[in-house]
Protein backbone atom coordinates (compact mmCIF):
# COMPACT_ATOMS: atom_id res chain seq x y z
CA MET A 1 126.26 100.93 96.94
CA SER A 2 123.57 99.09 95.01
CA ALA A 3 121.16 100.88 92.72
CA ILE A 4 117.53 101.17 93.80
CA ILE A 5 114.63 101.11 91.39
CA ASN A 6 110.97 101.53 92.29
CA VAL A 7 108.54 99.55 90.20
CA ARG A 8 104.82 100.20 89.98
CA MET A 9 102.59 97.48 88.57
CA LEU A 10 99.26 98.41 90.14
CA GLY A 11 97.17 100.21 87.57
CA THR A 12 100.06 100.62 85.14
CA PHE A 13 103.71 99.72 84.58
CA GLU A 14 106.35 102.19 85.66
CA ILE A 15 110.02 102.05 86.66
CA GLU A 16 111.68 104.88 88.55
CA TYR A 17 115.46 105.01 88.73
CA ASN A 18 117.82 107.84 89.57
CA GLN A 19 114.97 110.41 89.54
CA ARG A 20 113.88 109.32 86.06
CA ILE A 21 110.68 107.51 85.15
CA LEU A 22 110.22 104.91 82.44
CA ASN A 23 106.58 103.99 81.91
CA TYR A 24 104.41 101.86 79.68
CA ASN A 25 104.01 104.61 77.08
CA ASP A 26 107.78 105.03 76.85
CA ILE A 27 108.38 101.33 76.22
CA HIS A 28 105.26 100.90 74.09
CA SER A 29 105.71 97.14 73.80
CA THR A 30 103.39 94.75 75.58
CA MET A 31 105.81 91.85 75.21
CA ALA A 32 108.70 93.89 76.63
CA ILE A 33 106.52 94.83 79.62
CA LYS A 34 105.53 91.20 80.04
CA LEU A 35 109.18 90.12 79.97
CA LEU A 36 110.28 92.77 82.47
CA SER A 37 107.39 92.03 84.80
CA GLN A 38 108.14 88.30 84.79
CA LEU A 39 111.83 88.87 85.52
CA ILE A 40 110.92 91.25 88.35
CA LEU A 41 108.25 88.91 89.76
CA HIS A 42 110.78 86.07 89.78
CA ARG A 43 113.82 88.19 90.58
CA GLN A 44 115.12 85.68 93.12
CA GLU A 45 115.34 83.02 90.42
CA ASP A 46 117.19 82.27 87.21
CA LEU A 47 114.64 81.65 84.47
CA ASP A 48 115.72 79.46 81.57
CA LYS A 49 114.42 80.11 78.09
CA TRP A 50 111.91 77.27 78.34
CA THR A 51 110.35 78.66 81.52
CA LEU A 52 110.24 82.17 80.05
CA SER A 53 108.74 80.78 76.87
CA GLU A 54 105.96 79.18 78.91
CA TYR A 55 105.33 82.47 80.77
CA LEU A 56 105.44 84.70 77.71
CA PHE A 57 104.11 82.59 74.86
CA GLY A 58 102.17 79.87 76.65
CA GLY A 59 104.28 77.09 75.18
CA THR A 60 107.73 75.53 75.03
CA LYS A 61 108.27 74.93 71.33
CA GLN A 62 111.80 75.40 70.07
CA SER A 63 110.74 78.34 67.90
CA GLN A 64 109.11 80.02 70.91
CA ALA A 65 112.16 79.46 73.08
CA ASN A 66 114.41 80.87 70.38
CA SER A 67 112.23 83.98 70.24
CA ILE A 68 113.26 84.78 73.81
CA LYS A 69 116.71 85.93 72.71
CA THR A 70 115.20 88.31 70.19
CA LEU A 71 112.76 89.68 72.76
CA ILE A 72 115.57 90.14 75.30
CA TRP A 73 117.64 92.03 72.73
CA ARG A 74 114.74 94.30 71.77
CA THR A 75 113.85 94.99 75.39
CA GLU A 76 117.44 95.81 76.32
CA LYS A 77 117.58 98.21 73.40
CA LEU A 78 114.47 99.96 74.73
CA ILE A 79 115.75 100.35 78.30
CA ASN A 80 119.54 100.66 77.95
CA GLU A 81 119.40 104.44 77.68
CA PHE A 82 117.42 104.53 80.92
CA PHE A 83 119.84 102.29 82.84
CA VAL A 84 123.08 104.03 81.93
CA ASP A 85 125.13 102.73 84.86
CA TYR A 86 123.69 99.23 85.17
CA THR A 87 122.63 96.31 83.05
CA LEU A 88 119.17 95.33 84.22
CA ILE A 89 118.83 91.98 82.46
CA CYS A 90 121.66 89.50 82.96
CA HIS A 91 122.06 86.05 81.47
CA GLU A 92 124.22 82.97 81.66
CA ALA A 93 123.91 80.46 78.85
CA ASP A 94 120.15 80.20 78.30
CA SER A 95 119.12 81.51 81.74
CA TYR A 96 118.03 85.08 82.44
CA TYR A 97 117.70 87.09 85.65
CA VAL A 98 117.56 90.63 87.02
CA ASN A 99 120.90 92.14 88.04
CA GLN A 100 121.33 91.16 91.70
CA SER A 101 123.21 94.37 92.49
CA ILE A 102 120.00 96.33 91.88
CA GLU A 103 117.52 96.60 94.74
CA ILE A 104 113.99 96.46 93.40
CA ILE A 105 111.09 97.86 95.41
CA THR A 106 107.65 97.04 94.03
CA ASP A 107 104.28 98.47 95.00
CA TYR A 108 102.60 95.07 95.13
CA ASP A 109 105.26 93.71 97.54
CA GLN A 110 104.74 96.73 99.78
CA LEU A 111 100.98 96.20 99.68
CA PHE A 112 101.30 92.51 100.59
CA THR A 113 103.76 93.36 103.39
CA PHE A 114 101.38 95.94 104.86
CA HIS A 115 98.53 93.43 104.59
CA LYS A 116 100.46 90.83 106.57
CA GLN A 117 101.50 93.41 109.15
CA MET A 118 97.93 94.66 109.45
CA GLN A 119 96.76 91.18 110.39
CA GLU A 120 99.39 90.92 113.13
CA SER A 121 99.79 94.51 114.32
CA MET A 122 97.91 96.71 116.75
CA GLU A 123 98.27 99.67 114.34
CA LYS A 124 95.69 98.30 111.94
CA ASP A 125 94.17 101.67 111.05
CA MET A 126 97.45 103.17 109.83
CA LEU A 127 98.43 100.05 107.86
CA ALA A 128 94.97 99.81 106.31
CA ARG A 129 95.27 103.37 105.02
CA GLU A 130 98.72 102.62 103.59
CA ILE A 131 97.29 99.64 101.70
CA ILE A 132 94.53 101.75 100.18
CA LEU A 133 96.95 104.53 99.24
CA LEU A 134 99.20 102.03 97.46
CA TYR A 135 96.29 100.61 95.51
CA LYS A 136 96.03 102.17 92.05
CA GLY A 137 94.07 99.50 90.21
CA PHE A 138 94.49 95.99 88.85
CA PHE A 139 97.88 94.33 88.47
CA LEU A 140 99.33 95.15 85.01
CA PRO A 141 95.93 96.01 83.48
CA MET A 142 97.40 96.34 79.99
CA MET A 143 98.15 92.60 79.95
CA GLU A 144 95.82 89.80 78.96
CA SER A 145 94.68 87.82 81.98
CA ASP A 146 96.64 84.67 82.75
CA HIS A 147 97.00 82.55 85.87
CA ILE A 148 99.64 84.91 87.29
CA THR A 149 97.67 88.15 86.88
CA ILE A 150 94.48 86.45 88.09
CA GLU A 151 96.23 85.18 91.23
CA MET A 152 97.90 88.54 91.87
CA ASN A 153 94.64 90.45 91.44
CA HIS A 154 92.87 88.07 93.79
CA ARG A 155 95.47 88.75 96.50
CA ILE A 156 95.48 92.50 95.84
CA ILE A 157 91.69 92.90 95.92
CA ARG A 158 91.50 90.74 99.05
CA ALA A 159 94.07 92.97 100.76
CA VAL A 160 92.15 96.13 99.83
CA ILE A 161 88.85 94.64 101.00
CA ASP A 162 90.43 93.61 104.30
CA ALA A 163 91.95 97.08 104.70
CA LEU A 164 88.66 98.84 104.03
CA TYR A 165 86.87 96.49 106.42
CA VAL A 166 89.40 97.37 109.13
CA LEU A 167 88.76 101.08 108.57
CA ILE A 168 84.99 100.61 108.63
CA ARG A 169 85.07 98.71 111.90
CA HIS A 170 87.56 101.14 113.44
CA HIS A 171 85.48 104.18 112.48
CA GLU A 172 82.01 102.61 112.49
CA HIS A 173 80.60 105.45 114.62
CA HIS A 174 82.27 108.14 112.48
CA LEU A 175 82.30 106.71 108.97
CA HIS A 176 82.84 110.16 107.45
CA ASN A 177 86.46 109.76 108.63
CA ILE A 178 87.09 107.19 105.89
CA SER A 179 85.42 109.06 103.03
CA SER A 180 88.81 109.97 101.54
CA SER A 181 89.80 106.29 101.46
CA ILE A 182 86.58 105.36 99.67
CA GLU A 183 87.08 108.30 97.31
CA HIS A 184 90.52 106.90 96.46
CA ILE A 185 89.06 103.47 95.70
CA ILE A 186 86.24 104.66 93.46
CA LYS A 187 88.70 106.34 91.11
CA HIS A 188 89.33 102.87 89.65
CA ASP A 189 87.15 100.76 87.39
CA ASP A 190 87.15 97.86 89.85
CA GLU A 191 85.60 99.79 92.75
CA GLN A 192 82.35 97.81 92.40
CA LEU A 193 84.25 94.59 93.06
CA ILE A 194 85.76 96.04 96.23
CA GLN A 195 82.45 97.52 97.36
CA ASN A 196 80.69 94.18 96.94
CA GLY A 197 83.51 92.38 98.72
CA VAL A 198 83.33 94.69 101.72
CA LEU A 199 79.54 94.46 101.93
CA HIS A 200 79.78 90.66 101.74
CA LYS A 201 82.37 90.57 104.52
CA LEU A 202 80.22 92.82 106.72
CA GLY A 203 77.35 90.39 106.17
CA GLN A 204 79.53 87.41 107.06
CA GLN A 205 80.43 89.13 110.33
CA HIS A 206 76.75 90.01 110.95
CA GLN A 207 77.52 93.73 110.74
CA TYR A 208 74.28 94.37 108.90
CA HIS A 209 73.80 97.78 110.50
CA LEU A 210 76.94 98.98 108.69
CA GLN A 211 76.10 97.69 105.22
CA ASN A 212 73.64 100.44 104.28
CA LYS A 213 75.87 103.13 105.78
CA VAL A 214 78.87 101.94 103.77
CA LEU A 215 76.79 101.63 100.60
CA SER A 216 75.53 105.18 101.11
CA LEU A 217 79.09 106.39 101.57
CA PHE A 218 80.15 104.77 98.29
CA ASN A 219 77.18 106.29 96.49
CA LYS A 220 77.81 109.71 98.00
CA ASN A 221 81.45 109.73 96.94
CA GLN A 222 80.58 108.55 93.45
CA HIS A 223 78.69 111.82 92.99
CA ASN A 224 81.34 114.00 94.63
CA GLU A 225 84.49 113.54 92.61
CA ASP A 226 86.05 116.86 93.54
CA PHE A 227 87.70 115.83 96.81
CA ALA A 228 91.43 116.34 97.17
CA LEU A 229 93.68 113.38 96.44
CA GLU A 230 95.44 111.78 99.39
CA THR A 231 98.83 110.20 98.73
CA THR A 232 101.99 108.98 100.46
CA PRO A 233 104.93 111.34 101.16
CA TYR A 234 106.95 109.55 98.47
CA TYR A 235 104.39 110.11 95.71
CA PHE A 236 103.69 113.63 96.96
CA ALA A 237 107.37 114.51 96.48
CA ARG A 238 107.29 112.99 93.02
CA LEU A 239 104.18 114.96 92.06
CA CYS A 240 105.95 118.13 93.20
CA GLN A 241 108.98 117.24 91.08
CA LEU A 242 106.77 116.70 88.03
CA ALA A 243 104.92 119.96 88.66
CA HIS A 244 108.24 121.79 88.97
CA ARG A 245 109.46 120.37 85.67
CA LYS A 246 106.28 121.35 83.83
CA ARG A 247 106.23 124.89 85.28
CA HIS A 248 102.74 125.90 84.19
CA ARG A 249 102.96 129.69 84.28
CA SER A 250 99.29 130.00 83.39
CA ARG A 251 98.31 127.78 86.30
CA GLU A 252 100.48 128.57 89.30
CA GLN A 253 101.02 125.70 91.73
CA TYR A 254 101.84 126.05 95.41
CA VAL A 255 103.00 123.78 98.21
CA LEU A 256 101.38 124.50 101.57
CA CYS A 257 102.84 123.28 104.85
CA VAL A 258 99.96 123.20 107.34
CA ARG A 259 100.30 122.56 111.08
CA TYR A 260 97.78 122.14 113.89
CA LYS A 261 99.70 122.14 117.17
CA GLN A 262 96.92 122.38 119.74
CA SER A 263 94.08 120.55 118.07
CA TYR A 264 91.81 118.18 119.98
CA LEU A 265 91.20 116.31 116.71
CA SER A 266 93.07 113.15 115.76
CA ASN A 267 95.31 113.10 112.69
CA VAL A 268 92.67 111.07 110.86
CA GLU A 269 89.97 113.62 111.65
CA LEU A 270 92.23 116.52 110.68
CA LYS A 271 93.13 114.89 107.39
CA ASP A 272 89.53 114.16 106.45
CA ARG A 273 88.47 117.71 107.26
CA ILE A 274 91.32 119.07 105.14
CA LEU A 275 90.32 116.80 102.25
CA HIS A 276 86.76 118.09 102.42
CA ALA A 277 87.81 121.73 102.81
CA ILE A 278 90.26 121.86 99.91
CA ARG A 279 88.68 119.59 97.28
CA ASN A 280 89.31 120.51 93.61
CA ASP A 281 92.59 119.25 92.12
CA ALA A 282 94.66 119.42 95.30
CA CYS A 283 96.91 116.68 96.63
CA ILE A 284 97.60 116.11 100.34
CA THR A 285 99.96 114.00 102.42
CA GLN A 286 100.84 113.75 106.10
CA PHE A 287 104.46 113.94 107.26
CA LYS A 288 104.18 114.25 111.06
CA ASN A 289 101.50 114.43 113.72
CA GLY A 290 99.37 117.46 112.96
CA GLU A 291 101.53 118.42 109.96
CA PHE A 292 100.29 118.15 106.39
CA TYR A 293 101.60 119.16 102.98
CA ILE A 294 99.23 120.23 100.22
CA LEU A 295 99.91 120.74 96.51
CA LEU A 296 97.47 123.32 95.10
CA SER A 297 96.86 124.49 91.55
CA HIS A 298 95.49 127.98 92.14
CA GLN A 299 96.33 131.60 91.67
CA THR A 300 97.53 133.41 94.80
CA VAL A 301 94.03 134.59 95.70
CA GLY A 302 92.88 130.96 95.58
CA VAL A 303 95.67 129.97 97.95
CA ILE A 304 94.61 132.65 100.44
CA ASN A 305 91.03 131.38 100.33
CA ALA A 306 92.25 127.83 100.89
CA ILE A 307 94.34 128.94 103.88
CA ASN A 308 91.32 130.68 105.38
CA LYS A 309 89.30 127.47 105.09
CA LEU A 310 92.11 125.45 106.65
CA ALA A 311 92.40 127.89 109.54
CA ASP A 312 88.76 127.22 110.46
CA ILE A 313 89.32 123.48 110.83
CA ALA A 314 91.04 123.45 114.22
CA GLU A 315 93.03 125.47 116.72
CA GLY A 316 96.80 125.93 116.72
CA PHE A 317 96.83 126.55 112.97
CA SER A 318 99.90 127.81 111.12
CA CYS A 319 100.77 127.70 107.45
CA GLU A 320 103.62 128.41 105.04
CA TYR A 321 103.30 128.30 101.28
CA HIS A 322 105.74 128.39 98.36
CA ASN A 323 105.40 128.68 94.61
CA ILE A 324 106.43 125.33 93.10
CA ASN A 325 108.46 127.10 90.41
CA GLU A 326 110.69 128.69 93.05
CA MET A 327 111.41 125.48 94.96
CA THR A 328 114.58 123.44 94.49
CA HIS A 329 114.23 120.57 96.98
CA PHE A 330 111.36 118.12 97.35
CA ASP A 331 112.62 115.68 100.00
C-alpha cells in the first residue's frame, strides 16, 4: 500500500502524513520550501539539476547547479524525521523526483479539479462551495513572485471568482444564503481582488442589478467578523484532533452533532442559518443531508444556549454533544 500525503499550498505550506503535520514554521527555510514545492508541482517528471537550478536560482551556472546537491541534503535532513518509513526525495545521477510510491494530494489540484467539474456538471452550487472552502489565500504566499506563482495565482483567483459568480447567480433572489462563503473569502488579504473580479464579471454579463447587492454583502460581512467558520469534513476532523491534543481545560471545547429530519429548508439554508446563529469562534461542517457537526469553544452553559438557538432554526431538531477531551475518534 502506498503512502498518502496531503499537501497544502494555498495560504501557507503544509504537509500532512500519517496524522502528523509538517508546516512552514517547522521547516523554517524558504529555499527548502521552494525545492519541495517544485518537486511536488512537477511530481510526474524527473528534474535534472540544471532545470532545478533555473527554477530555484533563476540561472544555470555551474555553481548554481552544484548548489542543488547541498540544498537537497539540507532539505532531506529537515524532513527525514517526519518521513520515517519513506524517502520523499529520490534521485538518479543528477536528476531528482518525488518518490513514486507516495500518493500526493494537493489542495490546488483539488481546487482545479472542482473548477473543471463545475463548468461541466449540473451540481454547480455544491462544487462552487467546495472551491471556496478549499481556498485559503494565495499560492505559497511566503515565496517571492515568479512566473510559476503568478500563473498559479491567476488560475486560483479565476476559479474562486467563477465559483462565487455561480453562487451569486444560483442564489440571486436569496443572497443571504451565500454570506458564509463571502465571509470565508474576506478572511484573506486578497478579498478585494476577488470582489472586483466578481463585480466585473457581473457587469460583463449585464447583471447590473446584482452588483450593488453583492457589494453590500461584502461590506456587511467585513464589519461582522464573528460568524462561525465553515469547513470541509476533512479539515473539521483535523481541527478536532488538534483541539483534543491541546486539551484546554480553561476553555472547554465540544463537538455537537445536529440533525434536522423534517425541515422544509434546504441544506444550504440550514447551514447559513446555523452559521448566523452560532457565530463566535465555532466551526461547522456538513456530513449528510440535514446533519451538521459543530466545534464549539464554550463552557457547558454556553453549549446549552447554542443548542437552544439551533433548535429554533427548523423542525425535526435533535442534537448530541461531547466534550472534545473525552473523545477518542474523529473520523
